[in-house]
PDB file of all heavy atoms in Angstrom:
ATOM      1  N   ASP A   1      12.569 -11.749  10.511  1.00  0.00           N
ATOM      2  CA  ASP A   1      13.331 -12.278  11.632  1.00  0.00           C
ATOM      3  C   ASP A   1      12.695 -13.593  12.096  1.00  0.00           C
ATOM      4  O   ASP A   1      11.479 -13.652  12.302  1.00  0.00           O
ATOM      5  CB  ASP A   1      13.301 -11.237  12.761  1.00  0.00           C
ATOM      6  CG  ASP A   1      14.118 -11.662  13.946  1.00  0.00           C
ATOM      7  OD1 ASP A   1      15.337 -11.482  13.916  1.00  0.00           O
ATOM      8  OD2 ASP A   1      13.520 -12.187  14.911  1.00  0.00           O
ATOM      9  N   ILE A   2      13.516 -14.635  12.244  1.00  0.00           N
ATOM     10  CA  ILE A   2      13.017 -15.947  12.659  1.00  0.00           C
ATOM     11  C   ILE A   2      13.765 -16.382  13.911  1.00  0.00           C
ATOM     12  O   ILE A   2      14.993 -16.392  13.926  1.00  0.00           O
ATOM     13  CB  ILE A   2      13.229 -16.995  11.561  1.00  0.00           C
ATOM     14  CG1 ILE A   2      12.506 -16.588  10.272  1.00  0.00           C
ATOM     15  CG2 ILE A   2      12.760 -18.380  12.025  1.00  0.00           C
ATOM     16  CD1 ILE A   2      12.925 -17.396   9.062  1.00  0.00           C
ATOM     17  N   THR A   3      13.019 -16.743  14.957  1.00  0.00           N
ATOM     18  CA  THR A   3      13.608 -17.324  16.156  1.00  0.00           C
ATOM     19  C   THR A   3      13.453 -18.833  16.058  1.00  0.00           C
ATOM     20  O   THR A   3      12.330 -19.334  15.964  1.00  0.00           O
ATOM     21  CB  THR A   3      12.920 -16.805  17.431  1.00  0.00           C
ATOM     22  OG1 THR A   3      13.064 -15.388  17.497  1.00  0.00           O
ATOM     23  CG2 THR A   3      13.526 -17.442  18.679  1.00  0.00           C
ATOM     24  N   HIS A   4      14.561 -19.555  16.066  1.00  0.00           N
ATOM     25  CA  HIS A   4      14.505 -21.018  15.977  1.00  0.00           C
ATOM     26  C   HIS A   4      14.300 -21.641  17.350  1.00  0.00           C
ATOM     27  O   HIS A   4      13.554 -22.596  17.490  1.00  0.00           O
ATOM     28  CB  HIS A   4      15.771 -21.569  15.326  1.00  0.00           C
ATOM     29  CG  HIS A   4      15.926 -21.102  13.916  1.00  0.00           C
ATOM     30  ND1 HIS A   4      15.190 -21.622  12.880  1.00  0.00           N
ATOM     31  CD2 HIS A   4      16.701 -20.137  13.374  1.00  0.00           C
ATOM     32  CE1 HIS A   4      15.528 -21.010  11.756  1.00  0.00           C
ATOM     33  NE2 HIS A   4      16.429 -20.101  12.034  1.00  0.00           N
ATOM     34  N   TYR A   5      14.981 -21.113  18.358  1.00  0.00           N
ATOM     35  CA  TYR A   5      14.772 -21.564  19.723  1.00  0.00           C
ATOM     36  C   TYR A   5      15.508 -20.663  20.691  1.00  0.00           C
ATOM     37  O   TYR A   5      16.299 -19.806  20.300  1.00  0.00           O
ATOM     38  CB  TYR A   5      15.130 -23.037  19.949  1.00  0.00           C
ATOM     39  CG  TYR A   5      16.511 -23.459  19.524  1.00  0.00           C
ATOM     40  CD1 TYR A   5      17.582 -23.405  20.402  1.00  0.00           C
ATOM     41  CD2 TYR A   5      16.747 -23.953  18.247  1.00  0.00           C
ATOM     42  CE1 TYR A   5      18.846 -23.801  20.014  1.00  0.00           C
ATOM     43  CE2 TYR A   5      18.005 -24.357  17.851  1.00  0.00           C
ATOM     44  CZ  TYR A   5      19.051 -24.282  18.737  1.00  0.00           C
ATOM     45  OH  TYR A   5      20.304 -24.667  18.350  1.00  0.00           O
ATOM     46  N   PHE A   6      15.188 -20.858  21.974  1.00  0.00           N
ATOM     47  CA  PHE A   6      15.776 -20.079  23.058  1.00  0.00           C
ATOM     48  C   PHE A   6      16.633 -20.994  23.929  1.00  0.00           C
ATOM     49  O   PHE A   6      16.327 -22.175  24.087  1.00  0.00           O
ATOM     50  CB  PHE A   6      14.676 -19.481  23.951  1.00  0.00           C
ATOM     51  CG  PHE A   6      13.766 -18.519  23.254  1.00  0.00           C
ATOM     52  CD1 PHE A   6      12.534 -18.934  22.762  1.00  0.00           C
ATOM     53  CD2 PHE A   6      14.123 -17.189  23.092  1.00  0.00           C
ATOM     54  CE1 PHE A   6      11.682 -18.045  22.130  1.00  0.00           C
ATOM     55  CE2 PHE A   6      13.279 -16.288  22.453  1.00  0.00           C
ATOM     56  CZ  PHE A   6      12.056 -16.724  21.969  1.00  0.00           C
ATOM     57  N   LEU A   7      17.670 -20.422  24.509  1.00  0.00           N
ATOM     58  CA  LEU A   7      18.501 -21.120  25.487  1.00  0.00           C
ATOM     59  C   LEU A   7      18.691 -20.196  26.677  1.00  0.00           C
ATOM     60  O   LEU A   7      18.811 -18.986  26.521  1.00  0.00           O
ATOM     61  CB  LEU A   7      19.858 -21.489  24.890  1.00  0.00           C
ATOM     62  CG  LEU A   7      19.821 -22.523  23.768  1.00  0.00           C
ATOM     63  CD1 LEU A   7      21.127 -22.501  22.988  1.00  0.00           C
ATOM     64  CD2 LEU A   7      19.555 -23.893  24.340  1.00  0.00           C
ATOM     65  N   LYS A   8      18.734 -20.795  27.866  1.00  0.00           N
ATOM     66  CA  LYS A   8      18.863 -19.996  29.080  1.00  0.00           C
ATOM     67  C   LYS A   8      20.008 -20.522  29.931  1.00  0.00           C
ATOM     68  O   LYS A   8      20.812 -21.331  29.474  1.00  0.00           O
ATOM     69  CB  LYS A   8      17.552 -20.012  29.858  1.00  0.00           C
ATOM     70  CG  LYS A   8      17.145 -21.408  30.320  1.00  0.00           C
ATOM     71  CD  LYS A   8      15.850 -21.361  31.084  1.00  0.00           C
ATOM     72  CE  LYS A   8      15.528 -22.742  31.615  1.00  0.00           C
ATOM     73  NZ  LYS A   8      14.453 -22.729  32.573  1.00  0.00           N
ATOM     74  N   GLU A   9      20.051 -20.078  31.169  1.00  0.00           N
ATOM     75  CA  GLU A   9      21.121 -20.424  32.092  1.00  0.00           C
ATOM     76  C   GLU A   9      21.400 -21.928  32.115  1.00  0.00           C
ATOM     77  O   GLU A   9      20.495 -22.741  32.014  1.00  0.00           O
ATOM     78  CB  GLU A   9      20.779 -19.978  33.521  1.00  0.00           C
ATOM     79  CG  GLU A   9      20.735 -18.500  33.729  1.00  0.00           C
ATOM     80  CD  GLU A   9      19.407 -17.850  33.421  1.00  0.00           C
ATOM     81  OE1 GLU A   9      18.448 -18.530  33.019  1.00  0.00           O
ATOM     82  OE2 GLU A   9      19.337 -16.612  33.564  1.00  0.00           O
ATOM     83  N   ASN A  10      22.694 -22.219  32.273  1.00  0.00           N
ATOM     84  CA  ASN A  10      23.196 -23.587  32.429  1.00  0.00           C
ATOM     85  C   ASN A  10      23.069 -24.436  31.168  1.00  0.00           C
ATOM     86  O   ASN A  10      23.019 -25.662  31.248  1.00  0.00           O
ATOM     87  CB  ASN A  10      22.541 -24.279  33.623  1.00  0.00           C
ATOM     88  CG  ASN A  10      22.750 -23.493  34.904  1.00  0.00           C
ATOM     89  OD1 ASN A  10      23.865 -23.051  35.191  1.00  0.00           O
ATOM     90  ND2 ASN A  10      21.686 -23.280  35.642  1.00  0.00           N
ATOM     91  N   TYR A  11      23.028 -23.791  30.012  1.00  0.00           N
ATOM     92  CA  TYR A  11      23.039 -24.494  28.734  1.00  0.00           C
ATOM     93  C   TYR A  11      24.244 -24.040  27.923  1.00  0.00           C
ATOM     94  O   TYR A  11      24.650 -22.875  27.977  1.00  0.00           O
ATOM     95  CB  TYR A  11      21.765 -24.217  27.927  1.00  0.00           C
ATOM     96  CG  TYR A  11      20.597 -25.063  28.349  1.00  0.00           C
ATOM     97  CD1 TYR A  11      19.745 -24.640  29.363  1.00  0.00           C
ATOM     98  CD2 TYR A  11      20.345 -26.292  27.751  1.00  0.00           C
ATOM     99  CE1 TYR A  11      18.674 -25.415  29.768  1.00  0.00           C
ATOM    100  CE2 TYR A  11      19.273 -27.076  28.145  1.00  0.00           C
ATOM    101  CZ  TYR A  11      18.451 -26.633  29.144  1.00  0.00           C
ATOM    102  OH  TYR A  11      17.393 -27.407  29.555  1.00  0.00           O
ATOM    103  N   PHE A  12      24.790 -24.967  27.154  1.00  0.00           N
ATOM    104  CA  PHE A  12      25.793 -24.617  26.159  1.00  0.00           C
ATOM    105  C   PHE A  12      25.075 -24.029  24.965  1.00  0.00           C
ATOM    106  O   PHE A  12      23.937 -24.390  24.665  1.00  0.00           O
ATOM    107  CB  PHE A  12      26.577 -25.854  25.698  1.00  0.00           C
ATOM    108  CG  PHE A  12      27.521 -26.388  26.732  1.00  0.00           C
ATOM    109  CD1 PHE A  12      27.226 -27.531  27.447  1.00  0.00           C
ATOM    110  CD2 PHE A  12      28.729 -25.738  26.983  1.00  0.00           C
ATOM    111  CE1 PHE A  12      28.096 -28.037  28.395  1.00  0.00           C
ATOM    112  CE2 PHE A  12      29.606 -26.231  27.934  1.00  0.00           C
ATOM    113  CZ  PHE A  12      29.289 -27.380  28.645  1.00  0.00           C
ATOM    114  N   CYS A  13      25.756 -23.145  24.254  1.00  0.00           N
ATOM    115  CA  CYS A  13      25.170 -22.512  23.090  1.00  0.00           C
ATOM    116  C   CYS A  13      26.241 -22.316  22.029  1.00  0.00           C
ATOM    117  O   CYS A  13      27.336 -21.812  22.322  1.00  0.00           O
ATOM    118  CB  CYS A  13      24.568 -21.167  23.483  1.00  0.00           C
ATOM    119  SG  CYS A  13      23.876 -20.270  22.089  1.00  0.00           S
ATOM    120  N   THR A  14      25.928 -22.704  20.823  1.00  0.00           N
ATOM    121  CA  THR A  14      26.755 -22.447  19.649  1.00  0.00           C
ATOM    122  C   THR A  14      25.892 -22.768  18.444  1.00  0.00           C
ATOM    123  O   THR A  14      24.758 -23.225  18.598  1.00  0.00           O
ATOM    124  CB  THR A  14      28.045 -23.304  19.666  1.00  0.00           C
ATOM    125  OG1 THR A  14      28.939 -22.841  18.646  1.00  0.00           O
ATOM    126  CG2 THR A  14      27.767 -24.783  19.482  1.00  0.00           C
ATOM    127  N   ILE A  15      26.395 -22.529  17.257  1.00  0.00           N
ATOM    128  CA  ILE A  15      25.744 -23.031  16.054  1.00  0.00           C
ATOM    129  C   ILE A  15      26.475 -24.329  15.771  1.00  0.00           C
ATOM    130  O   ILE A  15      27.563 -24.326  15.186  1.00  0.00           O
ATOM    131  CB  ILE A  15      25.826 -22.016  14.895  1.00  0.00           C
ATOM    132  CG1 ILE A  15      25.265 -20.647  15.320  1.00  0.00           C
ATOM    133  CG2 ILE A  15      25.077 -22.561  13.671  1.00  0.00           C
ATOM    134  CD1 ILE A  15      23.817 -20.651  15.787  1.00  0.00           C
ATOM    135  N   LEU A  16      25.922 -25.416  16.237  1.00  0.00           N
ATOM    136  CA  LEU A  16      26.644 -26.678  16.397  1.00  0.00           C
ATOM    137  C   LEU A  16      27.308 -27.178  15.112  1.00  0.00           C
ATOM    138  O   LEU A  16      28.493 -27.509  15.122  1.00  0.00           O
ATOM    139  CB  LEU A  16      25.717 -27.744  16.979  1.00  0.00           C
ATOM    140  CG  LEU A  16      26.391 -29.001  17.491  1.00  0.00           C
ATOM    141  CD1 LEU A  16      27.394 -28.687  18.597  1.00  0.00           C
ATOM    142  CD2 LEU A  16      25.347 -29.993  17.986  1.00  0.00           C
ATOM    143  N   GLY A  17      26.588 -27.234  14.010  1.00  0.00           N
ATOM    144  CA  GLY A  17      27.168 -27.720  12.760  1.00  0.00           C
ATOM    145  C   GLY A  17      28.328 -26.860  12.306  1.00  0.00           C
ATOM    146  O   GLY A  17      29.385 -27.363  11.911  1.00  0.00           O
ATOM    147  N   SER A  18      28.159 -25.553  12.383  1.00  0.00           N
ATOM    148  CA  SER A  18      29.217 -24.624  11.987  1.00  0.00           C
ATOM    149  C   SER A  18      30.420 -24.752  12.909  1.00  0.00           C
ATOM    150  O   SER A  18      31.565 -24.764  12.458  1.00  0.00           O
ATOM    151  CB  SER A  18      28.683 -23.190  12.010  1.00  0.00           C
ATOM    152  OG  SER A  18      29.701 -22.266  11.707  1.00  0.00           O
ATOM    153  N   PHE A  19      30.171 -24.862  14.197  1.00  0.00           N
ATOM    154  CA  PHE A  19      31.248 -24.955  15.185  1.00  0.00           C
ATOM    155  C   PHE A  19      32.039 -26.247  15.017  1.00  0.00           C
ATOM    156  O   PHE A  19      33.274 -26.233  14.974  1.00  0.00           O
ATOM    157  CB  PHE A  19      30.668 -24.859  16.596  1.00  0.00           C
ATOM    158  CG  PHE A  19      31.686 -24.955  17.690  1.00  0.00           C
ATOM    159  CD1 PHE A  19      32.575 -23.912  17.931  1.00  0.00           C
ATOM    160  CD2 PHE A  19      31.761 -26.076  18.491  1.00  0.00           C
ATOM    161  CE1 PHE A  19      33.513 -23.989  18.946  1.00  0.00           C
ATOM    162  CE2 PHE A  19      32.691 -26.169  19.517  1.00  0.00           C
ATOM    163  CZ  PHE A  19      33.573 -25.125  19.746  1.00  0.00           C
ATOM    164  N   LEU A  20      31.358 -27.369  14.908  1.00  0.00           N
ATOM    165  CA  LEU A  20      32.046 -28.655  14.825  1.00  0.00           C
ATOM    166  C   LEU A  20      32.721 -28.874  13.480  1.00  0.00           C
ATOM    167  O   LEU A  20      33.818 -29.422  13.404  1.00  0.00           O
ATOM    168  CB  LEU A  20      31.069 -29.801  15.119  1.00  0.00           C
ATOM    169  CG  LEU A  20      30.512 -29.851  16.542  1.00  0.00           C
ATOM    170  CD1 LEU A  20      29.490 -30.967  16.673  1.00  0.00           C
ATOM    171  CD2 LEU A  20      31.621 -29.999  17.576  1.00  0.00           C
ATOM    172  N   GLU A  21      32.057 -28.439  12.394  1.00  0.00           N
ATOM    173  CA  GLU A  21      32.572 -28.692  11.045  1.00  0.00           C
ATOM    174  C   GLU A  21      33.271 -27.491  10.428  1.00  0.00           C
ATOM    175  O   GLU A  21      33.803 -27.583   9.329  1.00  0.00           O
ATOM    176  CB  GLU A  21      31.420 -29.152  10.153  1.00  0.00           C
ATOM    177  CG  GLU A  21      30.762 -30.434  10.664  1.00  0.00           C
ATOM    178  CD  GLU A  21      29.422 -30.728  10.001  1.00  0.00           C
ATOM    179  OE1 GLU A  21      28.983 -29.950   9.127  1.00  0.00           O
ATOM    180  OE2 GLU A  21      28.809 -31.741  10.379  1.00  0.00           O
ATOM    181  N   GLN A  22      33.220 -26.328  11.117  1.00  0.00           N
ATOM    182  CA  GLN A  22      33.808 -25.080  10.638  1.00  0.00           C
ATOM    183  C   GLN A  22      33.284 -24.706   9.250  1.00  0.00           C
ATOM    184  O   GLN A  22      34.027 -24.436   8.309  1.00  0.00           O
ATOM    185  CB  GLN A  22      35.338 -25.152  10.668  1.00  0.00           C
ATOM    186  CG  GLN A  22      35.911 -25.238  12.087  1.00  0.00           C
ATOM    187  CD  GLN A  22      35.640 -23.970  12.894  1.00  0.00           C
ATOM    188  OE1 GLN A  22      36.390 -23.009  12.815  1.00  0.00           O
ATOM    189  NE2 GLN A  22      34.562 -23.950  13.670  1.00  0.00           N
ATOM    190  N   THR A  23      31.943 -24.701   9.152  1.00  0.00           N
ATOM    191  CA  THR A  23      31.244 -24.337   7.931  1.00  0.00           C
ATOM    192  C   THR A  23      30.437 -23.059   8.166  1.00  0.00           C
ATOM    193  O   THR A  23      30.189 -22.670   9.310  1.00  0.00           O
ATOM    194  CB  THR A  23      30.285 -25.468   7.494  1.00  0.00           C
ATOM    195  OG1 THR A  23      29.401 -25.772   8.579  1.00  0.00           O
ATOM    196  CG2 THR A  23      31.059 -26.727   7.101  1.00  0.00           C
ATOM    197  N   ILE A  24      30.013 -22.434   7.082  1.00  0.00           N
ATOM    198  CA  ILE A  24      29.220 -21.210   7.162  1.00  0.00           C
ATOM    199  C   ILE A  24      27.872 -21.521   7.829  1.00  0.00           C
ATOM    200  O   ILE A  24      27.211 -22.499   7.488  1.00  0.00           O
ATOM    201  CB  ILE A  24      28.959 -20.625   5.751  1.00  0.00           C
ATOM    202  CG1 ILE A  24      30.284 -20.287   5.050  1.00  0.00           C
ATOM    203  CG2 ILE A  24      28.030 -19.414   5.807  1.00  0.00           C
ATOM    204  CD1 ILE A  24      31.021 -19.111   5.626  1.00  0.00           C
ATOM    205  N   ALA A  25      27.486 -20.671   8.756  1.00  0.00           N
ATOM    206  CA  ALA A  25      26.217 -20.835   9.482  1.00  0.00           C
ATOM    207  C   ALA A  25      25.147 -19.940   8.884  1.00  0.00           C
ATOM    208  O   ALA A  25      25.408 -18.777   8.567  1.00  0.00           O
ATOM    209  CB  ALA A  25      26.417 -20.492  10.952  1.00  0.00           C
ATOM    210  N   LEU A  26      23.961 -20.483   8.746  1.00  0.00           N
ATOM    211  CA  LEU A  26      22.815 -19.684   8.309  1.00  0.00           C
ATOM    212  C   LEU A  26      22.150 -19.002   9.492  1.00  0.00           C
ATOM    213  O   LEU A  26      21.425 -18.036   9.327  1.00  0.00           O
ATOM    214  CB  LEU A  26      21.793 -20.566   7.582  1.00  0.00           C
ATOM    215  CG  LEU A  26      22.312 -21.277   6.330  1.00  0.00           C
ATOM    216  CD1 LEU A  26      21.228 -22.191   5.757  1.00  0.00           C
ATOM    217  CD2 LEU A  26      22.783 -20.265   5.306  1.00  0.00           C
ATOM    218  N   GLU A  27      22.398 -19.533  10.708  1.00  0.00           N
ATOM    219  CA  GLU A  27      21.797 -18.992  11.919  1.00  0.00           C
ATOM    220  C   GLU A  27      22.809 -18.144  12.681  1.00  0.00           C
ATOM    221  O   GLU A  27      24.006 -18.228  12.454  1.00  0.00           O
ATOM    222  CB  GLU A  27      21.331 -20.130  12.845  1.00  0.00           C
ATOM    223  CG  GLU A  27      20.363 -21.094  12.225  1.00  0.00           C
ATOM    224  CD  GLU A  27      21.059 -22.228  11.477  1.00  0.00           C
ATOM    225  OE1 GLU A  27      22.303 -22.339  11.525  1.00  0.00           O
ATOM    226  OE2 GLU A  27      20.351 -23.006  10.829  1.00  0.00           O
ATOM    227  N   GLY A  28      22.277 -17.351  13.592  1.00  0.00           N
ATOM    228  CA  GLY A  28      23.104 -16.548  14.470  1.00  0.00           C
ATOM    229  C   GLY A  28      22.637 -16.704  15.906  1.00  0.00           C
ATOM    230  O   GLY A  28      21.648 -17.381  16.187  1.00  0.00           O
ATOM    231  N   ILE A  29      23.365 -16.054  16.802  1.00  0.00           N
ATOM    232  CA  ILE A  29      23.027 -16.072  18.226  1.00  0.00           C
ATOM    233  C   ILE A  29      22.861 -14.622  18.670  1.00  0.00           C
ATOM    234  O   ILE A  29      23.750 -13.800  18.447  1.00  0.00           O
ATOM    235  CB  ILE A  29      24.133 -16.752  19.058  1.00  0.00           C
ATOM    236  CG1 ILE A  29      24.422 -18.163  18.545  1.00  0.00           C
ATOM    237  CG2 ILE A  29      23.753 -16.769  20.539  1.00  0.00           C
ATOM    238  CD1 ILE A  29      25.676 -18.792  19.128  1.00  0.00           C
ATOM    239  N   GLN A  30      21.727 -14.331  19.307  1.00  0.00           N
ATOM    240  CA  GLN A  30      21.455 -12.980  19.772  1.00  0.00           C
ATOM    241  C   GLN A  30      21.057 -13.027  21.245  1.00  0.00           C
ATOM    242  O   GLN A  30      20.350 -13.948  21.679  1.00  0.00           O
ATOM    243  CB  GLN A  30      20.327 -12.356  18.947  1.00  0.00           C
ATOM    244  CG  GLN A  30      20.045 -10.911  19.328  1.00  0.00           C
ATOM    245  CD  GLN A  30      18.969 -10.298  18.453  1.00  0.00           C
ATOM    246  OE1 GLN A  30      18.101 -10.983  17.927  1.00  0.00           O
ATOM    247  NE2 GLN A  30      19.020  -8.988  18.305  1.00  0.00           N
TER     248      GLN A  30
END
C-alpha cells in the first residue's frame, strides 16, 4: 500500500489526469 499524499477540508480532490483526460488511473482515493 502506497500513500502518495493527503487532502483535507476545503480542498478539491480527484485523480486529475484521469478526470481531465478520461484515462485509466493507477491511483485511487480512500
